[in-house]
Every structure is written in structure tokens, then in C-alpha cells.
C-alpha atoms as a PDB file:
ATOM      1  CA  UNK A   1       6.246 -22.765   2.443  1.00  0.00           C
ATOM      2  CA  UNK A   2       4.498 -24.949   4.783  1.00  0.00           C
ATOM      3  CA  UNK A   3       0.910 -23.247   5.689  1.00  0.00           C
ATOM      4  CA  UNK A   4       2.236 -23.457   9.762  1.00  0.00           C
ATOM      5  CA  UNK A   5       5.273 -21.310   8.500  1.00  0.00           C
ATOM      6  CA  UNK A   6       3.316 -18.873   6.887  1.00  0.00           C
ATOM      7  CA  UNK A   7       0.729 -18.640   9.953  1.00  0.00           C
ATOM      8  CA  UNK A   8       4.035 -18.053  12.093  1.00  0.00           C
ATOM      9  CA  UNK A   9       5.181 -15.345   9.805  1.00  0.00           C
ATOM     10  CA  UNK A  10       1.973 -13.477  10.233  1.00  0.00           C
ATOM     11  CA  UNK A  11       1.868 -13.925  14.015  1.00  0.00           C
ATOM     12  CA  UNK A  12       5.370 -12.730  14.441  1.00  0.00           C
ATOM     13  CA  UNK A  13       4.580  -9.742  12.638  1.00  0.00           C
ATOM     14  CA  UNK A  14       1.825  -8.856  14.531  1.00  0.00           C
ATOM     15  CA  UNK A  15       3.521  -9.417  17.606  1.00  0.00           C
ATOM     16  CA  UNK A  16       6.081  -7.043  16.165  1.00  0.00           C
ATOM     17  CA  UNK A  17       3.759  -4.434  15.340  1.00  0.00           C
ATOM     18  CA  UNK A  18       1.837  -4.551  18.899  1.00  0.00           C
ATOM     19  CA  UNK A  19       5.332  -3.632  20.465  1.00  0.00           C
ATOM     20  CA  UNK A  20       6.407  -1.157  18.309  1.00  0.00           C
ATOM     21  CA  UNK A  21       2.891   0.999  18.477  1.00  0.00           C
ATOM     22  CA  UNK A  22       2.981   3.719  21.303  1.00  0.00           C
ATOM     23  CA  UNK A  23       0.134   6.078  22.573  1.00  0.00           C
ATOM     24  CA  UNK A  24      -0.261   9.229  24.296  1.00  0.00           C
ATOM     25  CA  UNK A  25      -3.389  11.377  25.262  1.00  0.00           C
ATOM     26  CA  UNK A  26      -3.085  15.118  24.416  1.00  0.00           C
ATOM     27  CA  UNK A  27      -6.233  17.203  25.458  1.00  0.00           C
ATOM     28  CA  UNK A  28      -8.450  14.188  25.171  1.00  0.00           C
ATOM     29  CA  UNK A  29      -7.358  13.034  21.787  1.00  0.00           C
ATOM     30  CA  UNK A  30      -4.844   9.745  21.608  1.00  0.00           C
ATOM     31  CA  UNK A  31      -2.048  10.176  19.490  1.00  0.00           C
ATOM     32  CA  UNK A  32      -1.024   6.835  18.195  1.00  0.00           C
ATOM     33  CA  UNK A  33       2.596   6.522  16.847  1.00  0.00           C
ATOM     34  CA  UNK A  34       3.225   3.466  14.560  1.00  0.00           C
ATOM     35  CA  UNK A  35       6.274   1.852  13.391  1.00  0.00           C
ATOM     36  CA  UNK A  36       5.725   2.879  10.089  1.00  0.00           C
ATOM     37  CA  UNK A  37       8.083   5.385   8.193  1.00  0.00           C
ATOM     38  CA  UNK A  38       6.979   8.008   5.633  1.00  0.00           C
ATOM     39  CA  UNK A  39       9.575   9.075   3.073  1.00  0.00           C
ATOM     40  CA  UNK A  40      11.393  11.124   5.535  1.00  0.00           C
ATOM     41  CA  UNK A  41      12.014   8.185   7.677  1.00  0.00           C
ATOM     42  CA  UNK A  42       9.819   9.676  10.242  1.00  0.00           C
ATOM     43  CA  UNK A  43       7.092   7.494  12.193  1.00  0.00           C
ATOM     44  CA  UNK A  44       3.634   7.739  10.917  1.00  0.00           C
ATOM     45  CA  UNK A  45       1.132   9.101  13.529  1.00  0.00           C
ATOM     46  CA  UNK A  46      -2.753   9.083  13.543  1.00  0.00           C
ATOM     47  CA  UNK A  47      -5.024  11.077  16.361  1.00  0.00           C
ATOM     48  CA  UNK A  48      -8.479   9.478  17.418  1.00  0.00           C
ATOM     49  CA  UNK A  49     -11.157  11.529  19.195  1.00  0.00           C
ATOM     50  CA  UNK A  50     -14.733  10.919  20.219  1.00  0.00           C
ATOM     51  CA  UNK A  51     -17.491  12.773  18.407  1.00  0.00           C
ATOM     52  CA  UNK A  52     -21.228  11.978  18.039  1.00  0.00           C
ATOM     53  CA  UNK A  53     -20.579   8.371  19.459  1.00  0.00           C
ATOM     54  CA  UNK A  54     -17.967   7.549  16.977  1.00  0.00           C
ATOM     55  CA  UNK A  55     -14.139   7.395  16.851  1.00  0.00           C
ATOM     56  CA  UNK A  56     -12.885  10.084  14.483  1.00  0.00           C
ATOM     57  CA  UNK A  57      -9.522   9.151  12.952  1.00  0.00           C
ATOM     58  CA  UNK A  58      -7.062  11.711  11.357  1.00  0.00           C
ATOM     59  CA  UNK A  59      -3.917  12.448  10.341  1.00  0.00           C
ATOM     60  CA  UNK A  60      -4.390  16.098  11.770  1.00  0.00           C
ATOM     61  CA  UNK A  61      -3.305  17.179   7.908  1.00  0.00           C
ATOM     62  CA  UNK A  62       0.335  16.040   8.184  1.00  0.00           C
ATOM     63  CA  UNK A  63       0.048  14.205   4.741  1.00  0.00           C
ATOM     64  CA  UNK A  64      -1.415  16.808   2.497  1.00  0.00           C
ATOM     65  CA  UNK A  65       0.679  19.687   4.461  1.00  0.00           C
ATOM     66  CA  UNK A  66       3.843  17.835   3.559  1.00  0.00           C
ATOM     67  CA  UNK A  67       3.305  17.560   0.252  1.00  0.00           C
ATOM     68  CA  UNK A  68       2.531  20.836  -0.560  1.00  0.00           C
ATOM     69  CA  UNK A  69       5.915  21.734   1.426  1.00  0.00           C
ATOM     70  CA  UNK A  70       7.688  19.202  -0.869  1.00  0.00           C
ATOM     71  CA  UNK A  71       6.372  20.904  -3.881  1.00  0.00           C
ATOM     72  CA  UNK A  72       3.753  18.437  -4.608  1.00  0.00           C
ATOM     73  CA  UNK A  73       0.335  20.647  -5.073  1.00  0.00           C
ATOM     74  CA  UNK A  74      -2.665  18.469  -5.601  1.00  0.00           C
ATOM     75  CA  UNK A  75      -4.105  21.249  -7.939  1.00  0.00           C
ATOM     76  CA  UNK A  76      -4.383  19.313 -11.459  1.00  0.00           C
ATOM     77  CA  UNK A  77      -7.407  17.508 -12.186  1.00  0.00           C
ATOM     78  CA  UNK A  78      -5.246  14.317 -13.086  1.00  0.00           C
ATOM     79  CA  UNK A  79      -3.736  14.481  -9.555  1.00  0.00           C
ATOM     80  CA  UNK A  80      -7.108  15.492  -7.916  1.00  0.00           C
ATOM     81  CA  UNK A  81      -8.463  12.372  -9.777  1.00  0.00           C
ATOM     82  CA  UNK A  82      -5.481  10.104  -8.592  1.00  0.00           C
ATOM     83  CA  UNK A  83      -5.821  11.299  -4.818  1.00  0.00           C
ATOM     84  CA  UNK A  84      -9.292  10.710  -4.621  1.00  0.00           C
ATOM     85  CA  UNK A  85      -8.999   6.969  -6.428  1.00  0.00           C
ATOM     86  CA  UNK A  86      -6.463   6.377  -3.628  1.00  0.00           C
ATOM     87  CA  UNK A  87      -8.894   7.563  -0.679  1.00  0.00           C
ATOM     88  CA  UNK A  88     -11.668   5.729  -2.326  1.00  0.00           C
ATOM     89  CA  UNK A  89      -9.715   2.459  -2.063  1.00  0.00           C
ATOM     90  CA  UNK A  90      -9.330   2.926   1.625  1.00  0.00           C
ATOM     91  CA  UNK A  91     -12.735   4.573   2.307  1.00  0.00           C
ATOM     92  CA  UNK A  92     -10.731   7.487   3.695  1.00  0.00           C
ATOM     93  CA  UNK A  93     -12.037  11.112   3.060  1.00  0.00           C
ATOM     94  CA  UNK A  94     -10.330  14.322   2.439  1.00  0.00           C
ATOM     95  CA  UNK A  95     -11.960  17.278   5.134  1.00  0.00           C
ATOM     96  CA  UNK A  96     -10.189  20.630   5.224  1.00  0.00           C
ATOM     97  CA  UNK A  97      -6.678  19.053   4.069  1.00  0.00           C
ATOM     98  CA  UNK A  98      -6.993  16.117   6.645  1.00  0.00           C
ATOM     99  CA  UNK A  99      -7.136  12.810   5.820  1.00  0.00           C
ATOM    100  CA  UNK A 100     -10.198  11.133   8.018  1.00  0.00           C
ATOM    101  CA  UNK A 101     -12.303   8.139   8.512  1.00  0.00           C
ATOM    102  CA  UNK A 102     -14.904   7.227  10.981  1.00  0.00           C
ATOM    103  CA  UNK A 103     -14.895   4.031  13.291  1.00  0.00           C
ATOM    104  CA  UNK A 104     -17.298   2.099  15.703  1.00  0.00           C
ATOM    105  CA  UNK A 105     -15.089   0.311  18.521  1.00  0.00           C
ATOM    106  CA  UNK A 106     -15.724  -3.039  16.702  1.00  0.00           C
ATOM    107  CA  UNK A 107     -14.165  -1.765  13.253  1.00  0.00           C
ATOM    108  CA  UNK A 108     -11.577   0.405  14.682  1.00  0.00           C
ATOM    109  CA  UNK A 109      -8.591  -1.848  13.968  1.00  0.00           C
ATOM    110  CA  UNK A 110      -9.235  -2.081  10.557  1.00  0.00           C
ATOM    111  CA  UNK A 111     -10.313   1.442   9.942  1.00  0.00           C
ATOM    112  CA  UNK A 112      -7.108   2.392  11.660  1.00  0.00           C
ATOM    113  CA  UNK A 113      -5.302   0.186   9.155  1.00  0.00           C
ATOM    114  CA  UNK A 114      -6.904   1.695   6.222  1.00  0.00           C
ATOM    115  CA  UNK A 115      -6.107   5.143   7.358  1.00  0.00           C
ATOM    116  CA  UNK A 116      -2.581   4.275   7.417  1.00  0.00           C
ATOM    117  CA  UNK A 117      -2.583   2.636   4.174  1.00  0.00           C
ATOM    118  CA  UNK A 118      -4.346   5.654   2.498  1.00  0.00           C
ATOM    119  CA  UNK A 119      -1.495   8.104   4.381  1.00  0.00           C
ATOM    120  CA  UNK A 120       1.547   5.850   3.018  1.00  0.00           C
ATOM    121  CA  UNK A 121      -0.192   5.670  -0.569  1.00  0.00           C
ATOM    122  CA  UNK A 122      -0.816   9.476  -0.596  1.00  0.00           C
ATOM    123  CA  UNK A 123       2.661  10.125   0.962  1.00  0.00           C
ATOM    124  CA  UNK A 124       3.692   8.371  -2.249  1.00  0.00           C
ATOM    125  CA  UNK A 125       2.448  11.120  -4.482  1.00  0.00           C
ATOM    126  CA  UNK A 126       5.803  13.095  -3.737  1.00  0.00           C
ATOM    127  CA  UNK A 127       7.418  11.573  -6.471  1.00  0.00           C
ATOM    128  CA  UNK A 128       4.978  13.198  -8.938  1.00  0.00           C
ATOM    129  CA  UNK A 129       6.536  16.640  -8.322  1.00  0.00           C
ATOM    130  CA  UNK A 130       9.782  15.704  -9.390  1.00  0.00           C
ATOM    131  CA  UNK A 131      10.318  16.929 -12.920  1.00  0.00           C
ATOM    132  CA  UNK A 132      12.097  14.077 -14.170  1.00  0.00           C
ATOM    133  CA  UNK A 133       9.063  11.827 -13.740  1.00  0.00           C
ATOM    134  CA  UNK A 134       6.991  11.883 -17.166  1.00  0.00           C
ATOM    135  CA  UNK A 135       4.076  10.510 -15.679  1.00  0.00           C
ATOM    136  CA  UNK A 136       2.776   8.709 -12.746  1.00  0.00           C
ATOM    137  CA  UNK A 137       4.234   4.971 -12.344  1.00  0.00           C
ATOM    138  CA  UNK A 138       0.931   3.385 -11.503  1.00  0.00           C
ATOM    139  CA  UNK A 139      -0.473   5.047 -14.845  1.00  0.00           C
ATOM    140  CA  UNK A 140       2.327   3.539 -16.673  1.00  0.00           C
ATOM    141  CA  UNK A 141       1.980   0.213 -15.336  1.00  0.00           C
ATOM    142  CA  UNK A 142      -1.724   0.252 -16.269  1.00  0.00           C
ATOM    143  CA  UNK A 143      -1.116   1.389 -19.801  1.00  0.00           C
ATOM    144  CA  UNK A 144       1.541  -1.393 -20.188  1.00  0.00           C
ATOM    145  CA  UNK A 145      -1.061  -4.016 -19.459  1.00  0.00           C
ATOM    146  CA  UNK A 146      -3.576  -2.438 -21.450  1.00  0.00           C
ATOM    147  CA  UNK A 147      -1.231  -2.002 -24.568  1.00  0.00           C
ATOM    148  CA  UNK A 148      -0.264  -5.883 -24.501  1.00  0.00           C
ATOM    149  CA  UNK A 149      -3.914  -6.972 -24.096  1.00  0.00           C
ATOM    150  CA  UNK A 150      -3.031  -8.483 -20.384  1.00  0.00           C
ATOM    151  CA  UNK A 151      -6.409  -8.912 -18.510  1.00  0.00           C
ATOM    152  CA  UNK A 152      -6.538  -7.592 -15.195  1.00  0.00           C
ATOM    153  CA  UNK A 153      -8.834  -5.988 -12.482  1.00  0.00           C
ATOM    154  CA  UNK A 154      -7.517  -2.641 -10.973  1.00  0.00           C
ATOM    155  CA  UNK A 155      -7.619  -1.546  -7.546  1.00  0.00           C
ATOM    156  CA  UNK A 156      -8.699  -4.838  -5.986  1.00  0.00           C
ATOM    157  CA  UNK A 157      -9.288  -5.640  -2.199  1.00  0.00           C
ATOM    158  CA  UNK A 158      -8.689  -8.927  -0.562  1.00  0.00           C
ATOM    159  CA  UNK A 159      -9.725 -10.045   3.012  1.00  0.00           C
ATOM    160  CA  UNK A 160      -6.640 -11.524   4.655  1.00  0.00           C
ATOM    161  CA  UNK A 161      -6.689 -14.263   7.380  1.00  0.00           C
ATOM    162  CA  UNK A 162      -6.276 -11.606   9.985  1.00  0.00           C
ATOM    163  CA  UNK A 163      -9.283  -9.988   8.989  1.00  0.00           C
ATOM    164  CA  UNK A 164      -7.534  -6.795   7.343  1.00  0.00           C
ATOM    165  CA  UNK A 165      -8.552  -5.718   3.864  1.00  0.00           C
ATOM    166  CA  UNK A 166      -5.555  -5.357   1.880  1.00  0.00           C
ATOM    167  CA  UNK A 167      -5.550  -3.437  -1.340  1.00  0.00           C
ATOM    168  CA  UNK A 168      -3.545  -4.484  -4.385  1.00  0.00           C
ATOM    169  CA  UNK A 169      -3.130  -2.729  -7.609  1.00  0.00           C
ATOM    170  CA  UNK A 170      -4.010  -5.282  -9.955  1.00  0.00           C
ATOM    171  CA  UNK A 171      -5.304  -8.813 -10.067  1.00  0.00           C
ATOM    172  CA  UNK A 172      -4.813 -11.191 -12.932  1.00  0.00           C
ATOM    173  CA  UNK A 173      -7.576 -13.932 -13.152  1.00  0.00           C
ATOM    174  CA  UNK A 174      -5.959 -17.622 -13.307  1.00  0.00           C
ATOM    175  CA  UNK A 175      -6.169 -19.285 -16.826  1.00  0.00           C
ATOM    176  CA  UNK A 176      -5.457 -22.715 -18.095  1.00  0.00           C
ATOM    177  CA  UNK A 177      -1.716 -21.735 -18.254  1.00  0.00           C
ATOM    178  CA  UNK A 178      -1.086 -19.481 -15.337  1.00  0.00           C
ATOM    179  CA  UNK A 179      -2.698 -19.274 -11.610  1.00  0.00           C
ATOM    180  CA  UNK A 180      -3.891 -16.160 -10.470  1.00  0.00           C
ATOM    181  CA  UNK A 181      -1.359 -13.141 -10.074  1.00  0.00           C
ATOM    182  CA  UNK A 182      -1.356 -10.408  -7.987  1.00  0.00           C
ATOM    183  CA  UNK A 183       0.321  -7.144  -8.535  1.00  0.00           C
ATOM    184  CA  UNK A 184       1.505  -4.140  -6.521  1.00  0.00           C
ATOM    185  CA  UNK A 185       3.270  -1.055  -8.037  1.00  0.00           C
ATOM    186  CA  UNK A 186       6.335   0.556  -6.227  1.00  0.00           C
ATOM    187  CA  UNK A 187       7.133   4.137  -7.707  1.00  0.00           C
ATOM    188  CA  UNK A 188       9.631   4.329  -4.872  1.00  0.00           C
ATOM    189  CA  UNK A 189      10.716   0.750  -3.723  1.00  0.00           C
ATOM    190  CA  UNK A 190      11.654   1.242   0.156  1.00  0.00           C
ATOM    191  CA  UNK A 191      11.823  -1.384   3.214  1.00  0.00           C
ATOM    192  CA  UNK A 192       8.754   0.143   4.699  1.00  0.00           C
ATOM    193  CA  UNK A 193       6.571  -0.291   1.712  1.00  0.00           C
ATOM    194  CA  UNK A 194       7.977  -3.518   0.832  1.00  0.00           C
ATOM    195  CA  UNK A 195       7.391  -4.690   4.386  1.00  0.00           C
ATOM    196  CA  UNK A 196       3.789  -3.752   4.304  1.00  0.00           C
ATOM    197  CA  UNK A 197       3.378  -5.520   0.762  1.00  0.00           C
ATOM    198  CA  UNK A 198       4.740  -8.749   2.334  1.00  0.00           C
ATOM    199  CA  UNK A 199       2.309  -8.755   5.201  1.00  0.00           C
ATOM    200  CA  UNK A 200      -0.611  -8.126   3.015  1.00  0.00           C
ATOM    201  CA  UNK A 201       0.451 -11.036   0.451  1.00  0.00           C
ATOM    202  CA  UNK A 202       1.491 -13.535   3.180  1.00  0.00           C
ATOM    203  CA  UNK A 203      -2.027 -12.610   5.003  1.00  0.00           C
ATOM    204  CA  UNK A 204      -3.998 -12.852   1.706  1.00  0.00           C
ATOM    205  CA  UNK A 205      -2.709 -15.808   0.149  1.00  0.00           C
ATOM    206  CA  UNK A 206      -3.563 -17.791   3.378  1.00  0.00           C
ATOM    207  CA  UNK A 207      -7.246 -17.806   2.060  1.00  0.00           C
ATOM    208  CA  UNK A 208      -6.711 -17.568  -1.489  1.00  0.00           C
ATOM    209  CA  UNK A 209      -5.566 -20.319  -4.028  1.00  0.00           C
ATOM    210  CA  UNK A 210      -2.154 -21.712  -2.970  1.00  0.00           C
ATOM    211  CA  UNK A 211      -0.978 -21.255  -6.638  1.00  0.00           C
ATOM    212  CA  UNK A 212      -1.419 -17.815  -6.455  1.00  0.00           C
ATOM    213  CA  UNK A 213       1.689 -15.267  -7.150  1.00  0.00           C
ATOM    214  CA  UNK A 214       2.532 -11.909  -6.282  1.00  0.00           C
ATOM    215  CA  UNK A 215       4.560  -9.642  -8.164  1.00  0.00           C
ATOM    216  CA  UNK A 216       6.057  -6.248  -7.026  1.00  0.00           C
ATOM    217  CA  UNK A 217       6.370  -4.042  -9.992  1.00  0.00           C
ATOM    218  CA  UNK A 218       9.394  -1.908  -9.157  1.00  0.00           C
ATOM    219  CA  UNK A 219      10.323   1.405 -10.422  1.00  0.00           C
ATOM    220  CA  UNK A 220      13.991   1.393 -11.056  1.00  0.00           C
ATOM    221  CA  UNK A 221      14.236   4.166 -13.899  1.00  0.00           C
ATOM    222  CA  UNK A 222      15.804   6.449 -11.259  1.00  0.00           C
ATOM    223  CA  UNK A 223      17.699   4.290  -8.916  1.00  0.00           C
ATOM    224  CA  UNK A 224      17.673   0.447  -8.487  1.00  0.00           C
ATOM    225  CA  UNK A 225      16.085  -1.246  -5.403  1.00  0.00           C
ATOM    226  CA  UNK A 226      18.465  -2.030  -2.718  1.00  0.00           C
ATOM    227  CA  UNK A 227      19.629  -5.617  -2.140  1.00  0.00           C
ATOM    228  CA  UNK A 228      17.622  -5.805   1.077  1.00  0.00           C
ATOM    229  CA  UNK A 229      14.544  -5.208  -0.529  1.00  0.00           C
ATOM    230  CA  UNK A 230      15.034  -7.577  -3.490  1.00  0.00           C
ATOM    231  CA  UNK A 231      16.316 -10.032  -0.962  1.00  0.00           C
ATOM    232  CA  UNK A 232      13.060  -9.834   1.333  1.00  0.00           C
ATOM    233  CA  UNK A 233      10.899 -10.172  -1.810  1.00  0.00           C
ATOM    234  CA  UNK A 234      12.589 -13.395  -2.755  1.00  0.00           C
ATOM    235  CA  UNK A 235      12.865 -14.796   0.553  1.00  0.00           C
ATOM    236  CA  UNK A 236       8.735 -14.663   1.046  1.00  0.00           C
ATOM    237  CA  UNK A 237       8.256 -15.764  -2.719  1.00  0.00           C
ATOM    238  CA  UNK A 238       7.329 -12.894  -4.347  1.00  0.00           C
ATOM    239  CA  UNK A 239       8.493 -11.993  -7.941  1.00  0.00           C
ATOM    240  CA  UNK A 240      10.589  -8.800  -8.309  1.00  0.00           C
ATOM    241  CA  UNK A 241       9.399  -7.136 -11.844  1.00  0.00           C
ATOM    242  CA  UNK A 242      11.895  -4.480 -12.482  1.00  0.00           C
ATOM    243  CA  UNK A 243      10.333  -1.987 -14.851  1.00  0.00           C
ATOM    244  CA  UNK A 244      13.547  -1.947 -17.054  1.00  0.00           C
ATOM    245  CA  UNK A 245      13.007  -5.718 -17.506  1.00  0.00           C
ATOM    246  CA  UNK A 246       9.232  -5.607 -17.744  1.00  0.00           C
ATOM    247  CA  UNK A 247       9.334  -7.419 -21.004  1.00  0.00           C
ATOM    248  CA  UNK A 248      10.634 -10.371 -19.591  1.00  0.00           C
ATOM    249  CA  UNK A 249       7.744 -10.957 -17.426  1.00  0.00           C
ATOM    250  CA  UNK A 250       5.050 -10.224 -20.190  1.00  0.00           C
ATOM    251  CA  UNK A 251       4.702 -14.018 -21.211  1.00  0.00           C
ATOM    252  CA  UNK A 252       3.587 -14.698 -17.599  1.00  0.00           C
ATOM    253  CA  UNK A 253       1.315 -11.974 -17.115  1.00  0.00           C
ATOM    254  CA  UNK A 254      -0.524 -12.492 -20.409  1.00  0.00           C
ATOM    255  CA  UNK A 255      -0.991 -15.683 -20.254  1.00  0.00           C
END
């Protein structure tokens, strides 16, 4: 794609995002409703209040309460470790079951973006509550890379052209044989998570090597990704790596 086409994609996405966000005030607290959907197909909401000269952004405890209600108690050491890793990656804290972050006016957009990403990432932990899931998918992907001696950096962050910081699960450095490869694992591939990934990738590759490649690692152990998901990834130049077909991609990843 031409650089101008990529810029137009980002511009269109930001225009759509701006048009879909709604704001209301409740007892001095701003309620921001975003177009992003959780696994219940409910719009993700955050709340903003002023405190000690700062803006305090919170999910009002919704994410953790919903996980508990769904049977996903964050009580085991492994789940606590994964939760803390997710939150640390986005600079978000857990206070009394609320996901929260503080911001100034000048960094409010980035902090809001980070909180939303953290909420969606934690929401995906619901899949760990299902008895048929033997282990966390992200852990499975990392183990696979290590077993096959694939060089990688976990939990990497890149600043995109928009100024937003995007988090990816793994980055495989370039080599003489292959360009840089960026991976994000999807335990439960759906339209919402893929749209976020496509924006992050298009925004990021504007400021990285034009040869960089993106891989969406899709967990298809329980159900196959929809045609819409696969079509969207293909349309924007992302490689769809089905977990059941992972060995077909090993040569590209290990090079």
C-alpha cells in the first residue's frame, strides 16, 4: 500500500472513533462510552474525575466484577502474575478491584487509550475460567517460540504515528533472511480485538521499517475465526497464523 493510503486508513479510523464516543456527566464524574465492545457485546465505559489536581480514570470495578461473576476468580498465583503483567504493560493499577490510572490534561488521550487496552486485555482472561482450556494461550505461544529457539522480545511497546503507544505480545528482530516480525496472540479472536490490532499495526508501521510484518496468532482450538476476521487481516496485510497450523509458519518465524 502507498503511504498516503495508510495515512488515510488511520485518518478514517480516528474520525470513526471520534464520532462514536459519547460523554455524559454524573455527579461531577464524566462517563465516557466508547465504541469498543467487551465479550458480552456491551460498550466499554470509563469514568473520569478530578482529584488532587489530576484526572483519575477508572472502570469503576466493572472488569474485575464481571470476571468474578463469570467464574474467573483471580486467586491463583499464575493468574495474579498474568493480571499484573497485563496491567504493568499498560501502566494501569488495580485498586480495590478497580482498574485505574492517573493523567494530566496533556497525556489524558494516551492514558485513556492505555486503560481501554488494559480493560479489553483483562476481559480476555475470562477464557481461563473455562475447564477445557489447559493453559493460557499467550503462555502456549511463548512456550512454542522458546522450544523452537525463535529469538523474540516479549511484551513490546511502540509509539505510532498518532502518538499512541501500542503493545504487542512479541517482536522478532530482523535478520539477514527475514524482516522484523510483530506478533499478537488472540485467545478469542473477534471483530473488536482484530480492529484494535489493525489500527495499532497500521499506526505503528508508519514509523517502522516498511518491510516489517505483522502476525495475528489465532487460537482456533475451540472454534475457527470468522471469515470477517480472516478477511480483515488479509485486507490490511497481516498474516493470519492459525494455532492449528503453527508449524507452517515456523520457518518464517525462526529465520
